[in-house]
Amino acid sequence: MNNTNTVPLVAILRGVLPQDVLAHIEVLIAAGFTTVEIPLNSPDWQTSIAMAIARFGDRIQIGAGTVTSANDVAILSQMKCSFILTPNTDPAVIKAAREAGMQTCIGCHTASEAFVAIQHGANALKIFPAGELGSGYIRALKAVLPKHIPLYAVGGITPANLAEYLRAGCVGAGLGGDLYRAGQSPEQTANQARAFKQAWDACQKR
């Protein structure tokens, strides 16, 4: 997730169906996105992830979210998934992903959870739910964490508040319901993606 050629905005396609996934990823790429997450609580996620990797895996990073077990990590590794995001801090999942050579963005809420994730080798931390915690919480947490650990704000991030979380110390964000909701059209995804990308570009010019 930290490659220099990627924009650190993670498009979360929660609930996407296999017959829809490619069309939505196509418009995300057109909008400038380079990282897509398909959560494992989506219908038939194995098919969607396999299709996405086969079509776009050489162009962007395709990862899995809501990963909660080492068994799922093993399946995702066989599928050549680029990275995992978790909703919680589970050392066994971190260990399995590290052994598989996969990048990890580990879900945490408290400083204690963050340090457990770091101690077990997390590549990045997913601060969730960022929108409820607020950017002040991110700033305070960032102050006590090792400077080399990237933070991603996830949950409640919009084009209007993205800059606030980047200023607080996040390197990027996971974009959920304000980017994609299950059943929406690719055109709607494209419009939302452009809004987020414009917000990101505006932050880079400051």
N, C-alpha and C. Protein backbone atom coordinates (compact mmCIF):
# COMPACT_ATOMS: atom_id res chain seq x y z
N MET A 1 0.81 -1.21 0.00
CA MET A 1 0.00 0.00 0.00
C MET A 1 0.84 1.25 0.00
N ASN A 2 2.14 1.10 0.22
CA ASN A 2 2.98 2.27 0.35
C ASN A 2 3.90 2.49 -0.85
N ASN A 3 3.61 1.84 -1.97
CA ASN A 3 4.43 2.05 -3.16
C ASN A 3 4.38 3.52 -3.58
N THR A 4 5.50 4.03 -4.09
CA THR A 4 5.57 5.44 -4.44
C THR A 4 4.67 5.79 -5.61
N ASN A 5 4.27 4.81 -6.40
CA ASN A 5 3.44 5.10 -7.57
C ASN A 5 1.95 5.05 -7.26
N THR A 6 1.59 4.87 -6.00
CA THR A 6 0.18 4.74 -5.66
C THR A 6 -0.33 5.99 -4.96
N VAL A 7 -1.60 6.29 -5.18
CA VAL A 7 -2.29 7.33 -4.43
C VAL A 7 -2.89 6.64 -3.20
N PRO A 8 -2.56 7.10 -1.99
CA PRO A 8 -2.99 6.37 -0.79
C PRO A 8 -4.44 6.62 -0.39
N LEU A 9 -5.32 6.52 -1.37
CA LEU A 9 -6.75 6.51 -1.11
C LEU A 9 -7.25 5.11 -1.48
N VAL A 10 -7.77 4.40 -0.50
CA VAL A 10 -8.21 3.02 -0.70
C VAL A 10 -9.71 3.01 -0.98
N ALA A 11 -10.08 2.58 -2.17
CA ALA A 11 -11.50 2.49 -2.53
C ALA A 11 -12.08 1.19 -1.98
N ILE A 12 -13.02 1.31 -1.05
CA ILE A 12 -13.60 0.14 -0.40
C ILE A 12 -14.92 -0.22 -1.08
N LEU A 13 -14.95 -1.37 -1.74
CA LEU A 13 -16.14 -1.81 -2.47
C LEU A 13 -16.92 -2.84 -1.64
N ARG A 14 -17.39 -2.39 -0.49
CA ARG A 14 -18.11 -3.31 0.40
C ARG A 14 -19.47 -3.67 -0.19
N GLY A 15 -19.72 -4.98 -0.30
CA GLY A 15 -20.99 -5.46 -0.81
C GLY A 15 -21.06 -5.60 -2.31
N VAL A 16 -19.96 -5.34 -3.00
CA VAL A 16 -19.97 -5.42 -4.46
C VAL A 16 -20.21 -6.87 -4.91
N LEU A 17 -20.92 -7.02 -6.01
CA LEU A 17 -21.21 -8.34 -6.57
C LEU A 17 -20.22 -8.65 -7.69
N PRO A 18 -19.92 -9.92 -7.92
CA PRO A 18 -18.98 -10.27 -8.98
C PRO A 18 -19.36 -9.70 -10.35
N GLN A 19 -20.65 -9.65 -10.65
CA GLN A 19 -21.05 -9.15 -11.97
C GLN A 19 -20.88 -7.63 -12.11
N ASP A 20 -20.63 -6.96 -10.98
CA ASP A 20 -20.49 -5.50 -11.00
C ASP A 20 -19.06 -5.02 -10.76
N VAL A 21 -18.23 -5.87 -10.19
CA VAL A 21 -16.95 -5.40 -9.65
C VAL A 21 -16.04 -4.79 -10.70
N LEU A 22 -15.97 -5.37 -11.88
CA LEU A 22 -15.02 -4.87 -12.89
C LEU A 22 -15.41 -3.49 -13.39
N ALA A 23 -16.69 -3.25 -13.56
CA ALA A 23 -17.15 -1.93 -14.04
C ALA A 23 -16.81 -0.84 -13.04
N HIS A 24 -16.96 -1.14 -11.77
CA HIS A 24 -16.67 -0.12 -10.75
C HIS A 24 -15.16 0.13 -10.64
N ILE A 25 -14.37 -0.92 -10.73
CA ILE A 25 -12.92 -0.72 -10.68
C ILE A 25 -12.45 0.06 -11.90
N GLU A 26 -13.04 -0.19 -13.03
CA GLU A 26 -12.66 0.53 -14.26
C GLU A 26 -12.83 2.04 -14.07
N VAL A 27 -13.96 2.46 -13.50
CA VAL A 27 -14.16 3.91 -13.33
C VAL A 27 -13.28 4.47 -12.23
N LEU A 28 -12.96 3.67 -11.23
CA LEU A 28 -12.03 4.12 -10.20
C LEU A 28 -10.64 4.37 -10.78
N ILE A 29 -10.19 3.48 -11.64
CA ILE A 29 -8.89 3.67 -12.28
C ILE A 29 -8.91 4.92 -13.15
N ALA A 30 -9.99 5.11 -13.88
CA ALA A 30 -10.11 6.30 -14.72
C ALA A 30 -10.05 7.58 -13.91
N ALA A 31 -10.53 7.53 -12.66
CA ALA A 31 -10.52 8.70 -11.79
C ALA A 31 -9.17 8.91 -11.12
N GLY A 32 -8.25 7.96 -11.26
CA GLY A 32 -6.92 8.11 -10.68
C GLY A 32 -6.63 7.27 -9.47
N PHE A 33 -7.56 6.36 -9.11
CA PHE A 33 -7.32 5.48 -7.96
C PHE A 33 -6.35 4.36 -8.34
N THR A 34 -5.53 3.98 -7.37
CA THR A 34 -4.55 2.93 -7.62
C THR A 34 -4.64 1.78 -6.61
N THR A 35 -5.60 1.87 -5.68
CA THR A 35 -5.74 0.85 -4.65
C THR A 35 -7.21 0.58 -4.39
N VAL A 36 -7.59 -0.71 -4.47
CA VAL A 36 -8.99 -1.11 -4.26
C VAL A 36 -9.04 -2.23 -3.24
N GLU A 37 -9.97 -2.10 -2.31
CA GLU A 37 -10.21 -3.14 -1.31
C GLU A 37 -11.58 -3.76 -1.52
N ILE A 38 -11.63 -5.08 -1.52
CA ILE A 38 -12.91 -5.81 -1.55
C ILE A 38 -13.05 -6.52 -0.20
N PRO A 39 -13.97 -6.08 0.65
CA PRO A 39 -14.13 -6.70 1.97
C PRO A 39 -14.66 -8.13 1.89
N LEU A 40 -14.26 -8.92 2.86
CA LEU A 40 -14.65 -10.33 2.85
C LEU A 40 -16.08 -10.55 3.33
N ASN A 41 -16.77 -9.50 3.77
CA ASN A 41 -18.19 -9.66 4.07
C ASN A 41 -19.05 -9.24 2.89
N SER A 42 -18.44 -9.21 1.70
CA SER A 42 -19.18 -8.99 0.45
C SER A 42 -19.63 -10.33 -0.11
N PRO A 43 -20.75 -10.37 -0.86
CA PRO A 43 -21.22 -11.63 -1.42
C PRO A 43 -20.20 -12.22 -2.40
N ASP A 44 -19.89 -13.50 -2.24
CA ASP A 44 -19.00 -14.22 -3.17
C ASP A 44 -17.70 -13.46 -3.40
N TRP A 45 -17.08 -13.06 -2.28
CA TRP A 45 -15.88 -12.24 -2.37
C TRP A 45 -14.73 -12.93 -3.10
N GLN A 46 -14.65 -14.25 -2.97
CA GLN A 46 -13.54 -14.95 -3.65
C GLN A 46 -13.61 -14.75 -5.16
N THR A 47 -14.81 -14.81 -5.71
CA THR A 47 -14.97 -14.61 -7.15
C THR A 47 -14.62 -13.17 -7.53
N SER A 48 -15.12 -12.21 -6.75
CA SER A 48 -14.87 -10.80 -7.06
C SER A 48 -13.37 -10.48 -7.01
N ILE A 49 -12.69 -10.96 -5.97
CA ILE A 49 -11.27 -10.66 -5.85
C ILE A 49 -10.48 -11.33 -6.96
N ALA A 50 -10.82 -12.58 -7.27
CA ALA A 50 -10.11 -13.28 -8.35
C ALA A 50 -10.30 -12.57 -9.68
N MET A 51 -11.51 -12.13 -9.96
CA MET A 51 -11.78 -11.41 -11.21
C MET A 51 -11.01 -10.09 -11.26
N ALA A 52 -11.01 -9.38 -10.13
CA ALA A 52 -10.33 -8.09 -10.08
C ALA A 52 -8.83 -8.24 -10.29
N ILE A 53 -8.24 -9.24 -9.66
CA ILE A 53 -6.79 -9.45 -9.81
C ILE A 53 -6.46 -9.87 -11.24
N ALA A 54 -7.28 -10.75 -11.81
CA ALA A 54 -7.02 -11.21 -13.19
C ALA A 54 -7.08 -10.06 -14.18
N ARG A 55 -8.02 -9.14 -13.99
CA ARG A 55 -8.20 -8.05 -14.95
C ARG A 55 -7.28 -6.86 -14.66
N PHE A 56 -7.10 -6.53 -13.39
CA PHE A 56 -6.43 -5.27 -13.07
C PHE A 56 -5.17 -5.41 -12.21
N GLY A 57 -4.83 -6.64 -11.84
CA GLY A 57 -3.73 -6.84 -10.90
C GLY A 57 -2.38 -6.34 -11.37
N ASP A 58 -2.21 -6.18 -12.67
CA ASP A 58 -0.94 -5.66 -13.18
C ASP A 58 -0.96 -4.13 -13.30
N ARG A 59 -2.09 -3.50 -12.96
CA ARG A 59 -2.21 -2.05 -13.10
C ARG A 59 -2.37 -1.34 -11.76
N ILE A 60 -3.09 -1.97 -10.84
CA ILE A 60 -3.32 -1.37 -9.53
C ILE A 60 -3.19 -2.44 -8.45
N GLN A 61 -3.23 -2.01 -7.20
CA GLN A 61 -3.19 -2.94 -6.08
C GLN A 61 -4.61 -3.37 -5.71
N ILE A 62 -4.82 -4.66 -5.68
CA ILE A 62 -6.11 -5.23 -5.28
C ILE A 62 -5.91 -5.94 -3.94
N GLY A 63 -6.66 -5.49 -2.94
CA GLY A 63 -6.53 -6.09 -1.62
C GLY A 63 -7.86 -6.53 -1.05
N ALA A 64 -7.80 -7.09 0.14
CA ALA A 64 -8.99 -7.59 0.82
C ALA A 64 -9.15 -6.89 2.15
N GLY A 65 -10.40 -6.60 2.51
CA GLY A 65 -10.69 -5.99 3.79
C GLY A 65 -11.55 -6.88 4.66
N THR A 66 -11.71 -6.47 5.91
CA THR A 66 -12.46 -7.24 6.90
C THR A 66 -11.90 -8.66 6.99
N VAL A 67 -10.59 -8.75 7.02
CA VAL A 67 -9.90 -10.04 7.13
C VAL A 67 -9.72 -10.34 8.61
N THR A 68 -10.29 -11.44 9.07
CA THR A 68 -10.31 -11.72 10.51
C THR A 68 -9.71 -13.07 10.89
N SER A 69 -9.20 -13.84 9.93
CA SER A 69 -8.64 -15.14 10.28
C SER A 69 -7.43 -15.47 9.43
N ALA A 70 -6.54 -16.26 10.02
CA ALA A 70 -5.36 -16.71 9.29
C ALA A 70 -5.74 -17.60 8.11
N ASN A 71 -6.84 -18.32 8.23
CA ASN A 71 -7.30 -19.15 7.12
C ASN A 71 -7.65 -18.31 5.90
N ASP A 72 -8.29 -17.17 6.14
CA ASP A 72 -8.60 -16.27 5.03
C ASP A 72 -7.32 -15.72 4.40
N VAL A 73 -6.33 -15.42 5.23
CA VAL A 73 -5.05 -14.93 4.71
C VAL A 73 -4.44 -15.96 3.76
N ALA A 74 -4.51 -17.23 4.13
CA ALA A 74 -3.94 -18.29 3.28
C ALA A 74 -4.65 -18.32 1.93
N ILE A 75 -5.96 -18.19 1.92
CA ILE A 75 -6.72 -18.17 0.67
C ILE A 75 -6.33 -16.97 -0.17
N LEU A 76 -6.24 -15.81 0.47
CA LEU A 76 -5.91 -14.57 -0.25
C LEU A 76 -4.49 -14.61 -0.80
N SER A 77 -3.59 -15.22 -0.08
CA SER A 77 -2.21 -15.35 -0.56
C SER A 77 -2.15 -16.19 -1.83
N GLN A 78 -2.90 -17.27 -1.86
CA GLN A 78 -2.95 -18.11 -3.05
C GLN A 78 -3.54 -17.37 -4.24
N MET A 79 -4.41 -16.40 -3.96
CA MET A 79 -5.04 -15.61 -5.01
C MET A 79 -4.15 -14.46 -5.49
N LYS A 80 -2.98 -14.30 -4.85
CA LYS A 80 -2.04 -13.22 -5.19
C LYS A 80 -2.60 -11.85 -4.83
N CYS A 81 -3.34 -11.80 -3.73
CA CYS A 81 -3.86 -10.54 -3.23
C CYS A 81 -2.70 -9.68 -2.74
N SER A 82 -2.74 -8.37 -2.99
CA SER A 82 -1.62 -7.49 -2.66
C SER A 82 -1.51 -7.18 -1.18
N PHE A 83 -2.65 -6.99 -0.51
CA PHE A 83 -2.60 -6.54 0.87
C PHE A 83 -3.90 -6.93 1.57
N ILE A 84 -3.87 -6.82 2.91
CA ILE A 84 -5.08 -7.03 3.69
C ILE A 84 -5.29 -5.85 4.62
N LEU A 85 -6.55 -5.54 4.89
CA LEU A 85 -6.95 -4.63 5.94
C LEU A 85 -7.82 -5.39 6.91
N THR A 86 -7.64 -5.14 8.19
CA THR A 86 -8.42 -5.84 9.19
C THR A 86 -9.28 -4.85 9.98
N PRO A 87 -10.37 -5.33 10.56
CA PRO A 87 -11.20 -4.46 11.40
C PRO A 87 -10.71 -4.42 12.84
N ASN A 88 -9.78 -5.33 13.18
CA ASN A 88 -9.34 -5.48 14.56
C ASN A 88 -7.84 -5.76 14.59
N THR A 89 -7.32 -5.89 15.80
CA THR A 89 -5.89 -6.15 16.00
C THR A 89 -5.72 -7.59 16.45
N ASP A 90 -5.33 -8.45 15.51
CA ASP A 90 -5.18 -9.88 15.78
C ASP A 90 -3.77 -10.30 15.38
N PRO A 91 -2.89 -10.56 16.35
CA PRO A 91 -1.51 -10.94 16.03
C PRO A 91 -1.40 -12.15 15.11
N ALA A 92 -2.34 -13.09 15.23
CA ALA A 92 -2.27 -14.29 14.38
C ALA A 92 -2.48 -13.93 12.92
N VAL A 93 -3.36 -13.00 12.65
CA VAL A 93 -3.60 -12.57 11.27
C VAL A 93 -2.40 -11.80 10.74
N ILE A 94 -1.83 -10.94 11.56
CA ILE A 94 -0.63 -10.20 11.15
C ILE A 94 0.50 -11.17 10.82
N LYS A 95 0.71 -12.15 11.67
CA LYS A 95 1.77 -13.14 11.47
C LYS A 95 1.56 -13.91 10.17
N ALA A 96 0.34 -14.35 9.93
CA ALA A 96 0.05 -15.12 8.72
C ALA A 96 0.31 -14.28 7.47
N ALA A 97 -0.09 -13.03 7.51
CA ALA A 97 0.12 -12.16 6.35
C ALA A 97 1.60 -11.87 6.13
N ARG A 98 2.33 -11.63 7.20
CA ARG A 98 3.78 -11.39 7.07
C ARG A 98 4.47 -12.60 6.46
N GLU A 99 4.12 -13.78 6.93
CA GLU A 99 4.74 -15.01 6.41
C GLU A 99 4.40 -15.24 4.95
N ALA A 100 3.24 -14.71 4.52
CA ALA A 100 2.82 -14.83 3.12
C ALA A 100 3.38 -13.71 2.25
N GLY A 101 4.09 -12.77 2.87
CA GLY A 101 4.66 -11.67 2.11
C GLY A 101 3.66 -10.62 1.70
N MET A 102 2.56 -10.50 2.44
CA MET A 102 1.51 -9.54 2.11
C MET A 102 1.63 -8.30 2.99
N GLN A 103 1.31 -7.14 2.42
CA GLN A 103 1.25 -5.90 3.19
C GLN A 103 0.02 -5.92 4.09
N THR A 104 0.14 -5.28 5.26
CA THR A 104 -0.96 -5.27 6.21
C THR A 104 -1.28 -3.85 6.67
N CYS A 105 -2.56 -3.56 6.76
CA CYS A 105 -3.05 -2.33 7.37
C CYS A 105 -4.02 -2.80 8.45
N ILE A 106 -3.60 -2.66 9.70
CA ILE A 106 -4.29 -3.33 10.81
C ILE A 106 -5.21 -2.37 11.56
N GLY A 107 -6.44 -2.80 11.72
CA GLY A 107 -7.44 -1.98 12.38
C GLY A 107 -7.18 -1.82 13.87
N CYS A 108 -7.22 -0.59 14.34
CA CYS A 108 -7.07 -0.34 15.77
C CYS A 108 -7.84 0.92 16.15
N HIS A 109 -8.11 1.02 17.42
CA HIS A 109 -8.89 2.13 17.96
C HIS A 109 -8.11 2.86 19.05
N THR A 110 -7.43 2.09 19.88
CA THR A 110 -6.71 2.66 21.02
C THR A 110 -5.20 2.61 20.80
N ALA A 111 -4.47 3.35 21.64
CA ALA A 111 -3.01 3.30 21.59
C ALA A 111 -2.50 1.90 21.91
N SER A 112 -3.17 1.23 22.83
CA SER A 112 -2.74 -0.14 23.19
C SER A 112 -2.84 -1.07 21.98
N GLU A 113 -3.97 -1.01 21.27
CA GLU A 113 -4.13 -1.84 20.08
C GLU A 113 -3.09 -1.47 19.01
N ALA A 114 -2.84 -0.19 18.86
CA ALA A 114 -1.87 0.26 17.86
C ALA A 114 -0.49 -0.30 18.17
N PHE A 115 -0.07 -0.26 19.41
CA PHE A 115 1.26 -0.76 19.76
C PHE A 115 1.34 -2.28 19.64
N VAL A 116 0.27 -2.98 19.94
CA VAL A 116 0.25 -4.44 19.72
C VAL A 116 0.44 -4.74 18.24
N ALA A 117 -0.27 -4.02 17.39
CA ALA A 117 -0.14 -4.23 15.94
C ALA A 117 1.28 -3.96 15.47
N ILE A 118 1.87 -2.88 15.95
CA ILE A 118 3.24 -2.53 15.55
C ILE A 118 4.22 -3.59 16.03
N GLN A 119 4.09 -4.02 17.27
CA GLN A 119 5.00 -5.01 17.83
C GLN A 119 4.97 -6.33 17.07
N HIS A 120 3.83 -6.63 16.44
CA HIS A 120 3.70 -7.88 15.69
C HIS A 120 3.98 -7.69 14.20
N GLY A 121 4.40 -6.50 13.81
CA GLY A 121 4.88 -6.32 12.44
C GLY A 121 3.92 -5.71 11.46
N ALA A 122 2.89 -5.01 11.92
CA ALA A 122 1.97 -4.35 10.99
C ALA A 122 2.72 -3.33 10.14
N ASN A 123 2.41 -3.29 8.86
CA ASN A 123 3.03 -2.30 7.96
C ASN A 123 2.40 -0.92 8.11
N ALA A 124 1.10 -0.88 8.42
CA ALA A 124 0.37 0.37 8.57
C ALA A 124 -0.80 0.14 9.51
N LEU A 125 -1.36 1.24 10.01
CA LEU A 125 -2.48 1.15 10.93
C LEU A 125 -3.72 1.81 10.34
N LYS A 126 -4.84 1.14 10.51
CA LYS A 126 -6.14 1.66 10.08
C LYS A 126 -6.86 2.17 11.33
N ILE A 127 -7.01 3.49 11.44
CA ILE A 127 -7.68 4.07 12.60
C ILE A 127 -9.17 4.14 12.30
N PHE A 128 -9.94 3.37 13.07
CA PHE A 128 -11.37 3.21 12.78
C PHE A 128 -12.17 3.24 14.09
N PRO A 129 -13.31 3.91 14.11
CA PRO A 129 -13.91 4.73 13.04
C PRO A 129 -13.41 6.17 13.13
N ALA A 130 -12.62 6.58 12.19
CA ALA A 130 -11.96 7.88 12.24
C ALA A 130 -12.96 9.03 12.31
N GLY A 131 -14.06 8.91 11.57
CA GLY A 131 -15.04 9.99 11.56
C GLY A 131 -15.67 10.22 12.92
N GLU A 132 -15.81 9.17 13.71
CA GLU A 132 -16.37 9.31 15.05
C GLU A 132 -15.31 9.79 16.04
N LEU A 133 -14.08 9.36 15.84
CA LEU A 133 -13.00 9.73 16.76
C LEU A 133 -12.57 11.18 16.57
N GLY A 134 -12.56 11.62 15.32
CA GLY A 134 -12.18 13.00 15.02
C GLY A 134 -10.69 13.15 14.76
N SER A 135 -10.35 14.21 14.05
CA SER A 135 -8.96 14.43 13.68
C SER A 135 -8.08 14.75 14.88
N GLY A 136 -8.67 15.33 15.93
CA GLY A 136 -7.89 15.61 17.14
C GLY A 136 -7.38 14.33 17.78
N TYR A 137 -8.21 13.29 17.74
CA TYR A 137 -7.78 11.99 18.28
C TYR A 137 -6.62 11.43 17.46
N ILE A 138 -6.73 11.56 16.14
CA ILE A 138 -5.64 11.09 15.27
C ILE A 138 -4.35 11.82 15.62
N ARG A 139 -4.44 13.12 15.79
CA ARG A 139 -3.25 13.93 16.08
C ARG A 139 -2.61 13.49 17.41
N ALA A 140 -3.43 13.24 18.41
CA ALA A 140 -2.92 12.82 19.70
C ALA A 140 -2.29 11.43 19.62
N LEU A 141 -2.93 10.53 18.90
CA LEU A 141 -2.40 9.18 18.75
C LEU A 141 -1.09 9.20 17.97
N LYS A 142 -1.05 9.99 16.92
CA LYS A 142 0.15 10.10 16.09
C LYS A 142 1.35 10.55 16.91
N ALA A 143 1.11 11.39 17.91
CA ALA A 143 2.20 11.95 18.71
C ALA A 143 2.94 10.89 19.51
N VAL A 144 2.29 9.76 19.83
CA VAL A 144 2.94 8.75 20.67
C VAL A 144 3.39 7.54 19.87
N LEU A 145 3.02 7.46 18.59
CA LEU A 145 3.39 6.30 17.79
C LEU A 145 4.73 6.52 17.08
N PRO A 146 5.42 5.43 16.73
CA PRO A 146 6.65 5.59 15.94
C PRO A 146 6.38 6.34 14.65
N LYS A 147 7.25 7.25 14.31
CA LYS A 147 7.01 8.14 13.18
C LYS A 147 6.96 7.41 11.84
N HIS A 148 7.59 6.23 11.77
CA HIS A 148 7.65 5.53 10.48
C HIS A 148 6.39 4.72 10.17
N ILE A 149 5.45 4.65 11.11
CA ILE A 149 4.24 3.84 10.91
C ILE A 149 3.16 4.69 10.24
N PRO A 150 2.75 4.33 9.02
CA PRO A 150 1.70 5.10 8.34
C PRO A 150 0.33 4.86 8.98
N LEU A 151 -0.45 5.93 9.07
CA LEU A 151 -1.82 5.84 9.56
C LEU A 151 -2.79 6.12 8.42
N TYR A 152 -3.85 5.32 8.36
CA TYR A 152 -4.93 5.52 7.41
C TYR A 152 -6.21 5.77 8.19
N ALA A 153 -6.92 6.83 7.84
CA ALA A 153 -8.20 7.12 8.46
C ALA A 153 -9.30 6.38 7.70
N VAL A 154 -10.13 5.65 8.42
CA VAL A 154 -11.19 4.86 7.79
C VAL A 154 -12.47 5.01 8.61
N GLY A 155 -13.57 5.22 7.89
CA GLY A 155 -14.86 5.35 8.56
C GLY A 155 -15.27 6.80 8.67
N GLY A 156 -16.21 7.21 7.84
CA GLY A 156 -16.70 8.57 7.91
C GLY A 156 -15.86 9.60 7.18
N ILE A 157 -14.99 9.16 6.28
CA ILE A 157 -14.16 10.10 5.52
C ILE A 157 -14.91 10.54 4.27
N THR A 158 -14.96 11.84 4.05
CA THR A 158 -15.67 12.44 2.92
C THR A 158 -14.72 13.36 2.16
N PRO A 159 -15.09 13.78 0.96
CA PRO A 159 -14.25 14.76 0.27
C PRO A 159 -14.08 16.05 1.07
N ALA A 160 -15.09 16.40 1.87
CA ALA A 160 -15.04 17.65 2.64
C ALA A 160 -14.09 17.58 3.83
N ASN A 161 -13.94 16.39 4.45
CA ASN A 161 -13.09 16.32 5.64
C ASN A 161 -11.77 15.59 5.42
N LEU A 162 -11.51 15.12 4.22
CA LEU A 162 -10.27 14.38 3.94
C LEU A 162 -9.05 15.20 4.36
N ALA A 163 -8.99 16.46 3.99
CA ALA A 163 -7.82 17.30 4.29
C ALA A 163 -7.56 17.39 5.78
N GLU A 164 -8.64 17.40 6.56
CA GLU A 164 -8.52 17.50 8.02
C GLU A 164 -7.73 16.33 8.59
N TYR A 165 -7.99 15.14 8.07
CA TYR A 165 -7.31 13.94 8.58
C TYR A 165 -5.88 13.84 8.05
N LEU A 166 -5.66 14.32 6.85
CA LEU A 166 -4.29 14.34 6.34
C LEU A 166 -3.44 15.33 7.14
N ARG A 167 -4.00 16.47 7.48
CA ARG A 167 -3.27 17.45 8.30
C ARG A 167 -2.98 16.90 9.69
N ALA A 168 -3.86 16.02 10.18
CA ALA A 168 -3.67 15.44 11.51
C ALA A 168 -2.57 14.39 11.54
N GLY A 169 -2.12 13.95 10.36
CA GLY A 169 -1.00 13.02 10.33
C GLY A 169 -1.24 11.73 9.58
N CYS A 170 -2.42 11.54 9.01
CA CYS A 170 -2.67 10.34 8.20
C CYS A 170 -2.00 10.49 6.84
N VAL A 171 -1.48 9.39 6.33
CA VAL A 171 -0.89 9.42 4.99
C VAL A 171 -1.94 9.19 3.91
N GLY A 172 -3.07 8.64 4.31
CA GLY A 172 -4.13 8.35 3.35
C GLY A 172 -5.40 7.96 4.08
N ALA A 173 -6.35 7.42 3.34
CA ALA A 173 -7.64 7.08 3.93
C ALA A 173 -8.30 5.94 3.18
N GLY A 174 -9.12 5.20 3.90
CA GLY A 174 -9.99 4.21 3.29
C GLY A 174 -11.35 4.83 3.10
N LEU A 175 -11.89 4.72 1.90
CA LEU A 175 -13.12 5.41 1.54
C LEU A 175 -14.24 4.41 1.37
N GLY A 176 -15.23 4.50 2.24
CA GLY A 176 -16.32 3.54 2.24
C GLY A 176 -17.59 4.06 1.63
N GLY A 177 -18.61 4.27 2.48
CA GLY A 177 -19.94 4.59 2.00
C GLY A 177 -20.06 5.91 1.25
N ASP A 178 -19.14 6.84 1.47
CA ASP A 178 -19.20 8.10 0.74
C ASP A 178 -18.58 7.98 -0.65
N LEU A 179 -17.99 6.83 -0.94
CA LEU A 179 -17.48 6.54 -2.28
C LEU A 179 -18.35 5.50 -2.98
N TYR A 180 -18.63 4.41 -2.27
CA TYR A 180 -19.38 3.31 -2.89
C TYR A 180 -20.34 2.69 -1.89
N ARG A 181 -21.56 2.47 -2.35
CA ARG A 181 -22.55 1.69 -1.60
C ARG A 181 -23.08 0.59 -2.52
N ALA A 182 -23.28 -0.57 -1.97
CA ALA A 182 -23.72 -1.72 -2.76
C ALA A 182 -24.96 -1.37 -3.57
N GLY A 183 -24.92 -1.67 -4.86
CA GLY A 183 -26.05 -1.44 -5.72
C GLY A 183 -26.02 -0.15 -6.51
N GLN A 184 -25.10 0.75 -6.16
CA GLN A 184 -25.06 2.01 -6.92
C GLN A 184 -24.44 1.78 -8.30
N SER A 185 -24.68 2.71 -9.19
CA SER A 185 -24.22 2.57 -10.57
C SER A 185 -22.74 2.93 -10.69
N PRO A 186 -22.06 2.40 -11.71
CA PRO A 186 -20.67 2.83 -11.96
C PRO A 186 -20.56 4.33 -12.17
N GLU A 187 -21.59 4.94 -12.75
CA GLU A 187 -21.56 6.39 -12.96
C GLU A 187 -21.51 7.13 -11.63
N GLN A 188 -22.26 6.64 -10.65
CA GLN A 188 -22.24 7.27 -9.33
C GLN A 188 -20.89 7.08 -8.67
N THR A 189 -20.32 5.89 -8.81
CA THR A 189 -18.99 5.64 -8.28
C THR A 189 -17.98 6.57 -8.93
N ALA A 190 -18.09 6.76 -10.23
CA ALA A 190 -17.17 7.65 -10.94
C ALA A 190 -17.27 9.07 -10.41
N ASN A 191 -18.48 9.56 -10.19
CA ASN A 191 -18.66 10.92 -9.68
C ASN A 191 -18.06 11.08 -8.29
N GLN A 192 -18.32 10.11 -7.43
CA GLN A 192 -17.77 10.17 -6.07
C GLN A 192 -16.24 10.06 -6.09
N ALA A 193 -15.73 9.20 -6.96
CA ALA A 193 -14.28 9.01 -7.05
C ALA A 193 -13.60 10.30 -7.49
N ARG A 194 -14.19 10.97 -8.45
CA ARG A 194 -13.61 12.24 -8.91
C ARG A 194 -13.59 13.28 -7.80
N ALA A 195 -14.66 13.31 -7.00
CA ALA A 195 -14.72 14.27 -5.89
C ALA A 195 -13.61 14.01 -4.87
N PHE A 196 -13.39 12.74 -4.55
CA PHE A 196 -12.32 12.40 -3.62
C PHE A 196 -10.94 12.71 -4.22
N LYS A 197 -10.76 12.38 -5.48
CA LYS A 197 -9.46 12.63 -6.10
C LYS A 197 -9.18 14.13 -6.19
N GLN A 198 -10.18 14.92 -6.45
CA GLN A 198 -10.00 16.38 -6.48
C GLN A 198 -9.63 16.89 -5.09
N ALA A 199 -10.26 16.34 -4.05
CA ALA A 199 -9.93 16.73 -2.69
C ALA A 199 -8.49 16.36 -2.35
N TRP A 200 -8.08 15.17 -2.79
CA TRP A 200 -6.70 14.73 -2.56
C TRP A 200 -5.71 15.64 -3.29
N ASP A 201 -5.98 15.92 -4.54
CA ASP A 201 -5.08 16.77 -5.33
C ASP A 201 -4.96 18.16 -4.71
N ALA A 202 -6.07 18.68 -4.20
CA ALA A 202 -6.05 20.00 -3.58
C ALA A 202 -5.15 20.01 -2.34
N CYS A 203 -5.16 18.89 -1.60
CA CYS A 203 -4.31 18.78 -0.41
C CYS A 203 -2.83 18.79 -0.79
N GLN A 204 -2.50 18.18 -1.92
CA GLN A 204 -1.10 18.08 -2.34
C GLN A 204 -0.54 19.42 -2.78
N LYS A 205 -1.41 20.35 -3.14
CA LYS A 205 -0.98 21.67 -3.62
C LYS A 205 -0.74 22.67 -2.49
N ARG A 206 -1.15 22.27 -1.27
CA ARG A 206 -1.03 23.19 -0.15
C ARG A 206 0.37 23.16 0.44
